[in-house]
Structure formats: C-alpha cells, structure tokens
C-alpha atoms as a PDB file:
ATOM      1  CA  MET A   1     141.578 130.826 126.538  1.00  0.00           C
ATOM      2  CA  LYS A   2     143.954 129.254 129.052  1.00  0.00           C
ATOM      3  CA  LYS A   3     144.857 131.102 132.203  1.00  0.00           C
ATOM      4  CA  ALA A   4     148.005 130.988 134.305  1.00  0.00           C
ATOM      5  CA  GLY A   5     147.340 131.494 137.992  1.00  0.00           C
ATOM      6  CA  ASN A   6     145.503 134.747 138.517  1.00  0.00           C
ATOM      7  CA  LEU A   7     145.819 135.922 134.925  1.00  0.00           C
ATOM      8  CA  ILE A   8     144.057 139.228 134.592  1.00  0.00           C
ATOM      9  CA  ASN A   9     141.095 138.640 132.337  1.00  0.00           C
ATOM     10  CA  ILE A  10     138.600 141.361 132.976  1.00  0.00           C
ATOM     11  CA  THR A  11     135.576 139.281 131.951  1.00  0.00           C
ATOM     12  CA  ASN A  12     136.556 136.434 134.281  1.00  0.00           C
ATOM     13  CA  LYS A  13     137.933 138.267 137.320  1.00  0.00           C
ATOM     14  CA  VAL A  14     135.004 140.535 138.097  1.00  0.00           C
ATOM     15  CA  SER A  15     131.738 139.532 139.745  1.00  0.00           C
ATOM     16  CA  LEU A  16     128.726 138.533 137.667  1.00  0.00           C
ATOM     17  CA  GLY A  17     127.076 141.856 138.402  1.00  0.00           C
ATOM     18  CA  ASP A  18     130.114 143.795 137.302  1.00  0.00           C
ATOM     19  CA  GLN A  19     130.634 141.783 134.112  1.00  0.00           C
ATOM     20  CA  LYS A  20     127.647 143.552 132.573  1.00  0.00           C
ATOM     21  CA  MET A  21     129.458 146.867 132.761  1.00  0.00           C
ATOM     22  CA  ILE A  22     132.773 145.452 131.572  1.00  0.00           C
ATOM     23  CA  LYS A  23     131.327 143.585 128.604  1.00  0.00           C
ATOM     24  CA  LYS A  24     129.601 146.704 127.372  1.00  0.00           C
ATOM     25  CA  GLY A  25     132.621 148.765 128.432  1.00  0.00           C
ATOM     26  CA  GLY A  26     134.311 148.898 125.056  1.00  0.00           C
ATOM     27  CA  ALA A  27     131.237 150.278 123.336  1.00  0.00           C
ATOM     28  CA  ALA A  28     130.664 152.738 126.160  1.00  0.00           C
ATOM     29  CA  VAL A  29     134.247 153.955 126.051  1.00  0.00           C
ATOM     30  CA  VAL A  30     134.193 154.405 122.286  1.00  0.00           C
ATOM     31  CA  ALA A  31     130.872 156.242 122.592  1.00  0.00           C
ATOM     32  CA  LEU A  32     132.559 158.618 125.019  1.00  0.00           C
ATOM     33  CA  PHE A  33     135.264 159.442 122.504  1.00  0.00           C
ATOM     34  CA  PRO A  34     133.637 160.691 119.288  1.00  0.00           C
ATOM     35  CA  THR A  35     136.309 163.380 118.999  1.00  0.00           C
ATOM     36  CA  ILE A  36     139.080 160.771 118.745  1.00  0.00           C
ATOM     37  CA  ASP A  37     137.216 158.165 116.723  1.00  0.00           C
ATOM     38  CA  ARG A  38     139.507 158.785 113.748  1.00  0.00           C
ATOM     39  CA  GLU A  39     142.661 158.399 115.852  1.00  0.00           C
ATOM     40  CA  LEU A  40     141.443 155.212 117.522  1.00  0.00           C
ATOM     41  CA  LYS A  41     140.644 153.655 114.143  1.00  0.00           C
ATOM     42  CA  LEU A  42     144.118 154.581 112.895  1.00  0.00           C
ATOM     43  CA  VAL A  43     145.677 152.957 115.964  1.00  0.00           C
ATOM     44  CA  GLN A  44     143.634 149.796 115.463  1.00  0.00           C
ATOM     45  CA  ALA A  45     144.621 149.681 111.786  1.00  0.00           C
ATOM     46  CA  LYS A  46     148.295 150.205 112.649  1.00  0.00           C
ATOM     47  CA  VAL A  47     148.275 147.439 115.245  1.00  0.00           C
ATOM     48  CA  LYS A  48     146.387 145.069 112.959  1.00  0.00           C
ATOM     49  CA  ASP A  49     148.846 145.703 110.142  1.00  0.00           C
ATOM     50  CA  GLU A  50     151.830 144.908 112.359  1.00  0.00           C
ATOM     51  CA  LEU A  51     150.202 141.668 113.534  1.00  0.00           C
ATOM     52  CA  SER A  52     150.520 140.185 110.058  1.00  0.00           C
ATOM     53  CA  ILE A  53     153.916 138.765 109.118  1.00  0.00           C
ATOM     54  CA  GLN A  54     154.951 137.884 105.575  1.00  0.00           C
ATOM     55  CA  LYS A  55     154.924 134.113 104.936  1.00  0.00           C
ATOM     56  CA  MET A  56     153.581 133.491 108.430  1.00  0.00           C
ATOM     57  CA  GLY A  57     150.275 135.315 108.402  1.00  0.00           C
ATOM     58  CA  TYR A  58     148.332 136.624 111.373  1.00  0.00           C
ATOM     59  CA  VAL A  59     150.170 136.111 114.670  1.00  0.00           C
ATOM     60  CA  GLY A  60     146.822 135.543 116.357  1.00  0.00           C
ATOM     61  CA  ALA A  61     146.955 132.045 114.873  1.00  0.00           C
ATOM     62  CA  PHE A  62     149.819 131.290 117.268  1.00  0.00           C
ATOM     63  CA  ALA A  63     148.781 133.102 120.446  1.00  0.00           C
ATOM     64  CA  HIS A  64     145.494 134.217 121.968  1.00  0.00           C
ATOM     65  CA  LEU A  65     144.891 137.873 121.156  1.00  0.00           C
ATOM     66  CA  GLU A  66     141.185 138.003 121.993  1.00  0.00           C
ATOM     67  CA  PHE A  67     140.623 140.637 124.661  1.00  0.00           C
ATOM     68  CA  PRO A  68     137.643 142.719 125.798  1.00  0.00           C
ATOM     69  CA  GLU A  69     137.118 145.728 123.563  1.00  0.00           C
ATOM     70  CA  ILE A  70     137.704 148.085 126.463  1.00  0.00           C
ATOM     71  CA  ASP A  71     141.275 146.770 126.793  1.00  0.00           C
ATOM     72  CA  ASN A  72     141.823 147.243 123.065  1.00  0.00           C
ATOM     73  CA  THR A  73     140.841 150.892 123.473  1.00  0.00           C
ATOM     74  CA  ILE A  74     141.581 152.293 126.907  1.00  0.00           C
ATOM     75  CA  ARG A  75     145.377 152.687 126.725  1.00  0.00           C
ATOM     76  CA  PRO A  76     145.479 154.313 123.273  1.00  0.00           C
ATOM     77  CA  ALA A  77     142.602 156.576 124.347  1.00  0.00           C
ATOM     78  CA  LEU A  78     144.521 157.683 127.446  1.00  0.00           C
ATOM     79  CA  VAL A  79     147.522 158.516 125.273  1.00  0.00           C
ATOM     80  CA  ILE A  80     145.504 160.561 122.806  1.00  0.00           C
ATOM     81  CA  PHE A  81     143.425 162.505 125.319  1.00  0.00           C
ATOM     82  CA  SER A  82     146.405 163.198 127.593  1.00  0.00           C
ATOM     83  CA  ALA A  83     148.188 164.808 124.660  1.00  0.00           C
ATOM     84  CA  LYS A  84     145.092 166.782 123.682  1.00  0.00           C
ATOM     85  CA  LEU A  85     145.020 168.333 127.150  1.00  0.00           C
ATOM     86  CA  PHE A  86     147.923 170.440 125.894  1.00  0.00           C
ATOM     87  CA  ASN A  87     146.455 171.305 122.482  1.00  0.00           C
ATOM     88  CA  ASN A  88     148.818 168.806 120.949  1.00  0.00           C
ATOM     89  CA  LYS A  89     149.332 168.974 117.189  1.00  0.00           C
ATOM     90  CA  SER A  90     151.708 166.012 116.972  1.00  0.00           C
ATOM     91  CA  ASP A  91     150.781 162.608 115.611  1.00  0.00           C
ATOM     92  CA  LEU A  92     150.296 160.341 118.644  1.00  0.00           C
ATOM     93  CA  ILE A  93     149.182 157.317 116.623  1.00  0.00           C
ATOM     94  CA  ILE A  94     152.638 155.728 116.867  1.00  0.00           C
ATOM     95  CA  ILE A  95     152.906 156.092 120.658  1.00  0.00           C
ATOM     96  CA  ALA A  96     149.298 154.941 121.125  1.00  0.00           C
ATOM     97  CA  SER A  97     150.083 151.883 118.995  1.00  0.00           C
ATOM     98  CA  ILE A  98     153.290 151.174 120.898  1.00  0.00           C
ATOM     99  CA  VAL A  99     151.554 151.031 124.276  1.00  0.00           C
ATOM    100  CA  GLN A 100     149.066 148.585 122.767  1.00  0.00           C
ATOM    101  CA  TYR A 101     151.915 146.351 121.511  1.00  0.00           C
ATOM    102  CA  ILE A 102     153.287 146.314 125.059  1.00  0.00           C
ATOM    103  CA  TYR A 103     149.858 145.460 126.472  1.00  0.00           C
ATOM    104  CA  LEU A 104     149.348 142.631 123.973  1.00  0.00           C
ATOM    105  CA  ALA A 105     152.826 141.220 124.576  1.00  0.00           C
ATOM    106  CA  SER A 106     152.352 141.238 128.342  1.00  0.00           C
ATOM    107  CA  GLN A 107     148.996 139.483 128.073  1.00  0.00           C
ATOM    108  CA  VAL A 108     150.287 136.839 125.648  1.00  0.00           C
ATOM    109  CA  HIS A 109     153.106 136.002 128.048  1.00  0.00           C
ATOM    110  CA  ALA A 110     150.714 136.049 131.021  1.00  0.00           C
ATOM    111  CA  GLN A 111     148.594 133.311 129.438  1.00  0.00           C
ATOM    112  CA  ILE A 112     151.463 130.836 129.183  1.00  0.00           C
ATOM    113  CA  THR A 113     151.345 127.948 131.661  1.00  0.00           C
ATOM    114  CA  GLU A 114     154.104 125.504 132.490  1.00  0.00           C
ATOM    115  CA  GLY A 115     153.739 122.099 130.866  1.00  0.00           C
ATOM    116  CA  ASP A 116     151.109 123.092 128.305  1.00  0.00           C
ATOM    117  CA  THR A 117     152.872 121.301 125.490  1.00  0.00           C
ATOM    118  CA  MET A 118     153.021 117.512 125.506  1.00  0.00           C
ATOM    119  CA  LEU A 119     155.419 115.691 123.215  1.00  0.00           C
ATOM    120  CA  ASN A 120     153.715 114.732 119.948  1.00  0.00           C
ATOM    121  CA  ALA A 121     150.358 115.971 121.228  1.00  0.00           C
ATOM    122  CA  GLU A 122     148.079 117.709 118.752  1.00  0.00           C
ATOM    123  CA  ILE A 123     146.985 120.934 120.391  1.00  0.00           C
ATOM    124  CA  ASP A 124     146.001 124.410 119.351  1.00  0.00           C
ATOM    125  CA  PRO A 125     149.367 126.221 119.014  1.00  0.00           C
ATOM    126  CA  ARG A 126     147.834 129.166 120.849  1.00  0.00           C
ATOM    127  CA  ASP A 127     147.505 126.962 123.946  1.00  0.00           C
ATOM    128  CA  GLY A 128     151.104 125.792 123.908  1.00  0.00           C
ATOM    129  CA  CYS A 129     154.255 127.429 125.232  1.00  0.00           C
ATOM    130  CA  GLN A 130     156.655 127.935 122.362  1.00  0.00           C
ATOM    131  CA  PHE A 131     154.455 129.868 119.932  1.00  0.00           C
ATOM    132  CA  PRO A 132     152.974 132.261 122.525  1.00  0.00           C
ATOM    133  CA  VAL A 133     156.472 132.979 123.874  1.00  0.00           C
ATOM    134  CA  LEU A 134     157.654 133.826 120.379  1.00  0.00           C
ATOM    135  CA  VAL A 135     154.608 135.985 119.642  1.00  0.00           C
ATOM    136  CA  GLY A 136     155.038 137.892 122.907  1.00  0.00           C
ATOM    137  CA  ASP A 137     158.725 138.448 122.141  1.00  0.00           C
ATOM    138  CA  TYR A 138     157.811 139.558 118.621  1.00  0.00           C
ATOM    139  CA  LEU A 139     155.387 142.151 119.985  1.00  0.00           C
ATOM    140  CA  TYR A 140     157.974 143.497 122.425  1.00  0.00           C
ATOM    141  CA  GLY A 141     160.433 143.681 119.534  1.00  0.00           C
ATOM    142  CA  LYS A 142     157.831 145.442 117.412  1.00  0.00           C
ATOM    143  CA  PHE A 143     157.492 148.133 120.086  1.00  0.00           C
ATOM    144  CA  PHE A 144     161.233 148.846 119.876  1.00  0.00           C
ATOM    145  CA  ASP A 145     161.262 148.736 116.074  1.00  0.00           C
ATOM    146  CA  VAL A 146     158.359 151.164 115.682  1.00  0.00           C
ATOM    147  CA  LEU A 147     159.654 153.458 118.428  1.00  0.00           C
ATOM    148  CA  SER A 148     163.114 153.768 116.877  1.00  0.00           C
ATOM    149  CA  LYS A 149     161.717 154.438 113.409  1.00  0.00           C
ATOM    150  CA  SER A 150     159.349 157.114 114.715  1.00  0.00           C
ATOM    151  CA  GLY A 151     162.081 159.296 116.154  1.00  0.00           C
ATOM    152  CA  ASN A 152     160.797 158.909 119.717  1.00  0.00           C
ATOM    153  CA  ILE A 153     163.785 156.966 120.980  1.00  0.00           C
ATOM    154  CA  ALA A 154     164.059 159.408 123.897  1.00  0.00           C
ATOM    155  CA  TYR A 155     161.203 157.502 125.535  1.00  0.00           C
ATOM    156  CA  LEU A 156     162.872 154.099 125.232  1.00  0.00           C
ATOM    157  CA  LYS A 157     164.175 154.142 128.819  1.00  0.00           C
ATOM    158  CA  SER A 158     160.769 154.968 130.262  1.00  0.00           C
ATOM    159  CA  LEU A 159     159.004 152.288 128.214  1.00  0.00           C
ATOM    160  CA  ALA A 160     161.712 149.707 128.955  1.00  0.00           C
ATOM    161  CA  GLU A 161     161.253 150.410 132.663  1.00  0.00           C
ATOM    162  CA  LEU A 162     157.517 149.900 132.185  1.00  0.00           C
ATOM    163  CA  ILE A 163     158.088 146.472 130.618  1.00  0.00           C
ATOM    164  CA  CYS A 164     160.346 145.491 133.515  1.00  0.00           C
ATOM    165  CA  THR A 165     157.683 146.590 135.992  1.00  0.00           C
ATOM    166  CA  ILE A 166     154.953 144.629 134.181  1.00  0.00           C
ATOM    167  CA  ASN A 167     157.142 141.521 134.183  1.00  0.00           C
ATOM    168  CA  GLU A 168     157.814 141.940 137.887  1.00  0.00           C
ATOM    169  CA  SER A 169     154.059 141.722 138.440  1.00  0.00           C
ATOM    170  CA  ALA A 170     153.909 138.585 136.286  1.00  0.00           C
ATOM    171  CA  VAL A 171     156.606 136.930 138.406  1.00  0.00           C
ATOM    172  CA  LEU A 172     154.667 137.778 141.571  1.00  0.00           C
ATOM    173  CA  LYS A 173     151.494 136.246 140.133  1.00  0.00           C
ATOM    174  CA  ASN A 174     153.298 133.048 139.195  1.00  0.00           C
ATOM    175  CA  GLN A 175     154.978 132.859 142.597  1.00  0.00           C
ATOM    176  CA  HIS A 176     151.621 133.190 144.347  1.00  0.00           C
ATOM    177  CA  PRO A 177     149.015 131.546 142.056  1.00  0.00           C
ATOM    178  CA  LYS A 178     146.381 131.313 144.804  1.00  0.00           C
ATOM    179  CA  ALA A 179     146.673 134.921 145.949  1.00  0.00           C
ATOM    180  CA  ASN A 180     143.613 137.145 145.834  1.00  0.00           C
ATOM    181  CA  LEU A 181     142.338 140.335 147.452  1.00  0.00           C
ATOM    182  CA  LYS A 182     140.925 138.442 150.426  1.00  0.00           C
ATOM    183  CA  ASN A 183     143.915 136.343 151.415  1.00  0.00           C
ATOM    184  CA  SER A 184     146.769 138.552 150.152  1.00  0.00           C
ATOM    185  CA  PRO A 185     145.530 142.144 149.751  1.00  0.00           C
ATOM    186  CA  ASP A 186     148.967 143.792 150.035  1.00  0.00           C
ATOM    187  CA  LEU A 187     150.440 141.470 147.409  1.00  0.00           C
ATOM    188  CA  ILE A 188     147.567 142.046 144.997  1.00  0.00           C
ATOM    189  CA  TYR A 189     147.797 145.824 145.457  1.00  0.00           C
ATOM    190  CA  ASP A 190     151.488 145.558 144.561  1.00  0.00           C
ATOM    191  CA  ILE A 191     150.647 143.525 141.453  1.00  0.00           C
ATOM    192  CA  ILE A 192     147.936 145.989 140.406  1.00  0.00           C
ATOM    193  CA  TYR A 193     150.313 148.890 140.939  1.00  0.00           C
ATOM    194  CA  LYS A 194     152.971 147.304 138.719  1.00  0.00           C
ATOM    195  CA  GLU A 195     150.844 145.883 135.900  1.00  0.00           C
ATOM    196  CA  THR A 196     148.046 148.441 135.548  1.00  0.00           C
ATOM    197  CA  ALA A 197     148.602 151.629 137.564  1.00  0.00           C
ATOM    198  CA  VAL A 198     152.138 152.301 136.335  1.00  0.00           C
ATOM    199  CA  PHE A 199     151.082 151.326 132.799  1.00  0.00           C
ATOM    200  CA  PHE A 200     148.252 153.874 132.748  1.00  0.00           C
ATOM    201  CA  ALA A 201     150.513 156.497 134.319  1.00  0.00           C
ATOM    202  CA  LYS A 202     153.167 155.974 131.635  1.00  0.00           C
ATOM    203  CA  CYS A 203     150.498 156.266 128.906  1.00  0.00           C
ATOM    204  CA  THR A 204     149.398 159.640 130.195  1.00  0.00           C
ATOM    205  CA  SER A 205     152.854 160.944 131.120  1.00  0.00           C
ATOM    206  CA  ILE A 206     154.701 160.105 127.907  1.00  0.00           C
ATOM    207  CA  ALA A 207     151.865 161.512 125.804  1.00  0.00           C
ATOM    208  CA  ALA A 208     151.917 164.720 127.860  1.00  0.00           C
ATOM    209  CA  LEU A 209     155.686 165.096 127.489  1.00  0.00           C
ATOM    210  CA  ILE A 210     155.466 164.665 123.720  1.00  0.00           C
ATOM    211  CA  ALA A 211     152.714 167.284 123.690  1.00  0.00           C
ATOM    212  CA  GLY A 212     154.924 169.784 125.522  1.00  0.00           C
ATOM    213  CA  ALA A 213     153.765 169.494 129.132  1.00  0.00           C
ATOM    214  CA  ASN A 214     155.988 171.105 131.733  1.00  0.00           C
ATOM    215  CA  GLU A 215     157.269 169.243 134.802  1.00  0.00           C
ATOM    216  CA  ASP A 216     154.368 170.188 137.067  1.00  0.00           C
ATOM    217  CA  GLU A 217     151.758 169.388 134.432  1.00  0.00           C
ATOM    218  CA  ASN A 218     153.402 166.043 133.819  1.00  0.00           C
ATOM    219  CA  LYS A 219     153.340 165.193 137.529  1.00  0.00           C
ATOM    220  CA  HIS A 220     149.605 165.849 137.649  1.00  0.00           C
ATOM    221  CA  ILE A 221     148.728 163.798 134.564  1.00  0.00           C
ATOM    222  CA  TYR A 222     150.967 160.972 135.832  1.00  0.00           C
ATOM    223  CA  LYS A 223     149.087 161.054 139.136  1.00  0.00           C
ATOM    224  CA  PHE A 224     145.789 160.890 137.234  1.00  0.00           C
ATOM    225  CA  GLY A 225     146.914 157.819 135.298  1.00  0.00           C
ATOM    226  CA  LEU A 226     148.288 156.124 138.411  1.00  0.00           C
ATOM    227  CA  ASN A 227     145.088 156.513 140.435  1.00  0.00           C
ATOM    228  CA  PHE A 228     142.848 155.682 137.496  1.00  0.00           C
ATOM    229  CA  GLY A 229     144.921 152.538 136.917  1.00  0.00           C
ATOM    230  CA  LEU A 230     144.680 151.508 140.580  1.00  0.00           C
ATOM    231  CA  GLY A 231     140.893 151.759 140.486  1.00  0.00           C
ATOM    232  CA  TYR A 232     140.662 150.001 137.130  1.00  0.00           C
ATOM    233  CA  GLY A 233     143.009 147.230 138.260  1.00  0.00           C
ATOM    234  CA  LEU A 234     141.081 146.664 141.483  1.00  0.00           C
ATOM    235  CA  LEU A 235     137.877 146.113 139.510  1.00  0.00           C
ATOM    236  CA  GLN A 236     139.720 143.626 137.302  1.00  0.00           C
ATOM    237  CA  TRP A 237     140.692 141.683 140.407  1.00  0.00           C
ATOM    238  CA  GLY A 238     137.120 141.538 141.679  1.00  0.00           C
ATOM    239  CA  ALA A 239     137.134 144.429 144.156  1.00  0.00           C
ATOM    240  CA  THR A 240     133.862 146.168 144.904  1.00  0.00           C
ATOM    241  CA  TYR A 241     133.122 149.540 143.384  1.00  0.00           C
ATOM    242  CA  GLN A 242     133.286 151.003 146.886  1.00  0.00           C
ATOM    243  CA  GLU A 243     136.843 149.688 147.304  1.00  0.00           C
ATOM    244  CA  ALA A 244     137.945 151.142 143.983  1.00  0.00           C
ATOM    245  CA  ALA A 245     136.028 154.414 144.335  1.00  0.00           C
ATOM    246  CA  LYS A 246     138.663 156.349 146.290  1.00  0.00           C
ATOM    247  CA  TYR A 247     141.217 155.905 143.519  1.00  0.00           C
ATOM    248  CA  PHE A 248     138.827 157.058 140.815  1.00  0.00           C
ATOM    249  CA  GLU A 249     137.892 160.038 143.003  1.00  0.00           C
ATOM    250  CA  GLN A 250     141.568 160.955 143.408  1.00  0.00           C
ATOM    251  CA  ALA A 251     142.093 160.635 139.657  1.00  0.00           C
ATOM    252  CA  ILE A 252     139.123 162.890 138.916  1.00  0.00           C
ATOM    253  CA  LYS A 253     140.231 165.422 141.531  1.00  0.00           C
ATOM    254  CA  THR A 254     143.696 165.579 139.935  1.00  0.00           C
ATOM    255  CA  LEU A 255     142.108 166.850 136.730  1.00  0.00           C
ATOM    256  CA  ASP A 256     141.024 170.021 138.562  1.00  0.00           C
ATOM    257  CA  TYR A 257     144.559 171.237 137.912  1.00  0.00           C
ATOM    258  CA  PHE A 258     143.918 171.498 134.168  1.00  0.00           C
ATOM    259  CA  THR A 259     141.873 174.120 132.364  1.00  0.00           C
ATOM    260  CA  ALA A 260     138.559 173.191 130.796  1.00  0.00           C
ATOM    261  CA  SER A 261     138.778 171.423 127.436  1.00  0.00           C
ATOM    262  CA  THR A 262     137.119 168.647 125.455  1.00  0.00           C
ATOM    263  CA  ALA A 263     139.952 166.304 126.398  1.00  0.00           C
ATOM    264  CA  LYS A 264     139.617 167.064 130.115  1.00  0.00           C
ATOM    265  CA  GLN A 265     135.871 166.532 129.960  1.00  0.00           C
ATOM    266  CA  ALA A 266     136.331 163.164 128.242  1.00  0.00           C
ATOM    267  CA  LEU A 267     138.799 162.012 130.913  1.00  0.00           C
ATOM    268  CA  LEU A 268     136.392 163.158 133.629  1.00  0.00           C
ATOM    269  CA  GLU A 269     133.529 161.244 132.027  1.00  0.00           C
ATOM    270  CA  LEU A 270     135.724 158.178 131.597  1.00  0.00           C
ATOM    271  CA  GLY A 271     136.630 158.194 135.281  1.00  0.00           C
ATOM    272  CA  LYS A 272     133.009 158.604 136.327  1.00  0.00           C
ATOM    273  CA  MET A 273     131.778 155.900 133.937  1.00  0.00           C
ATOM    274  CA  VAL A 274     134.260 153.216 134.949  1.00  0.00           C
ATOM    275  CA  SER A 275     133.807 153.962 138.664  1.00  0.00           C
ATOM    276  CA  LYS A 276     130.054 153.336 138.659  1.00  0.00           C
ATOM    277  CA  LYS A 277     128.138 150.072 138.800  1.00  0.00           C
ATOM    278  CA  PRO A 278     126.206 149.215 135.614  1.00  0.00           C
ATOM    279  CA  ASP A 279     122.896 149.850 137.388  1.00  0.00           C
ATOM    280  CA  ASP A 280     124.073 153.367 138.244  1.00  0.00           C
ATOM    281  CA  GLN A 281     125.051 154.273 134.650  1.00  0.00           C
END
C-alpha cells in the first residue's frame, strides 16, 4: 500500500513493540463486544454491499481498502455503544455505516500521492491517482445518499463539518510531510485532533443525540470520544503509552457521569484495553 507523507497507517506508525497489540486489536475489540456482535456484522454487511457497484464491481479493485480490523470496527462500535448508554431502541446501523464510509473515504484520499500515474505506464489502478480519487469521492457521496434516505438529514451539517475537519488535517500532513511528534509535536497534536479526536467525538455525540441524550449528557459523551480519540491517535503516530495515558484516563473518568450499564462497562473496558501495552494485557 502506498503512503503519502505521514499517512496514518496504524500497523506502520507504531513501534514494533506496540504493533503486537494493534495487530491483535481487532480481535480483542470484537471479543469485548459480544453484546453488539449482531449489530457489527450488520454494519459490515451494509458497508460491503455499498462497495459493490453494478457493471463496475468491487470498488476495492480501484483503491486500497485494506485496513487493520480494529479500524474497521472501532468507529461503528463507538456509535452503537454510545447510543446504548441511553437505552436506545433505534436502529443505529445506518449511522454506524455512514461513519465508516467517511473513514474509508478519508483514508483512500490520504493514500494518494502526487505523480503516481505515469503516461502509458501499466500500474495497479489502486496505486494511481484518478481511480482512488473517484473511489474516495464515491464513498463521500454514498454517505450523503444513505444519510438522506435514512431520514437523518438533521445530522448532515455536523457530518459535513467533520469531513471538512478531516480534510484540514490531510492538508496539514501534505504541507509538512516530514513532521512527526519529535520535531513538530504541536502540529501533530493538531492533526490528531482534527482527524481522529473530532471523528471519535462525532461518533459518540451523534449517536447519543439520536438516542435521546440531553445537552449535558451529550457534552459528556462528546468529551469521552474526544479524549479517547486523542489517545488513540497518539498511539497511531508512535507516541508512548505513557504519553497517551492521560487522554485515556480523562476519557474513562468522563464515563463516571453515566449510570452503570453494559454499554458503559464495554466503553470502560475498551479504554483500558487500548491504553495498555500488549505485555500488560
């Protein structure tokens, strides 16, 4: 898979010691969520179905869509559990699928490098420019199409703002391809905030609003997602567990606001699992 600048690829950005945890992360996360196994499978089926286009086939033939299992799971899981905090009875499969379309689109666009395509050169279309751009645009369009058909158009503004924020982070990465946590910590924190922290916060907040959360409840679940995303993003960029720990601790502490439930317990366990080194699991 080609990378542009500091493309976030969780299996490549973290240290060798941390890769062990990340590579097993998907299985560990799924194992944490037996109560939403049905919902996660429905989300995966929905996303897979939308990735096949009549007469064209699977869009993965035209852009790289191979990501660690944890990144195919974590955002939909945050949506589902955040809604369940409020005894939600609504179907969150659509919203959980939509956030995954946005994630996939952002990652497809992030992989594109200038000058990949040479005139008359025979290359894998996934490694070019034109096809990945089109696939990324298709996925962003799919988010709008599915959202409008689901009757959740009220959340269009919030999700559109999220896409703008993610793209701002992509511009920063391309402007500063050699930036990392050692030589440009403030810049990288800004990138992490825009591409991961805000994304996680929107996942939790929108799900909570759909589930009937009040303003104060929504502020707390947003804060959980924001801090969890900061810690998660730092690990993706190669930070130590000690550096990321304070954000996971803040996320976990935020959950004290909510009453005990299966959903709260799962979010607590998720925060504790991701914040620990593999040897401490």
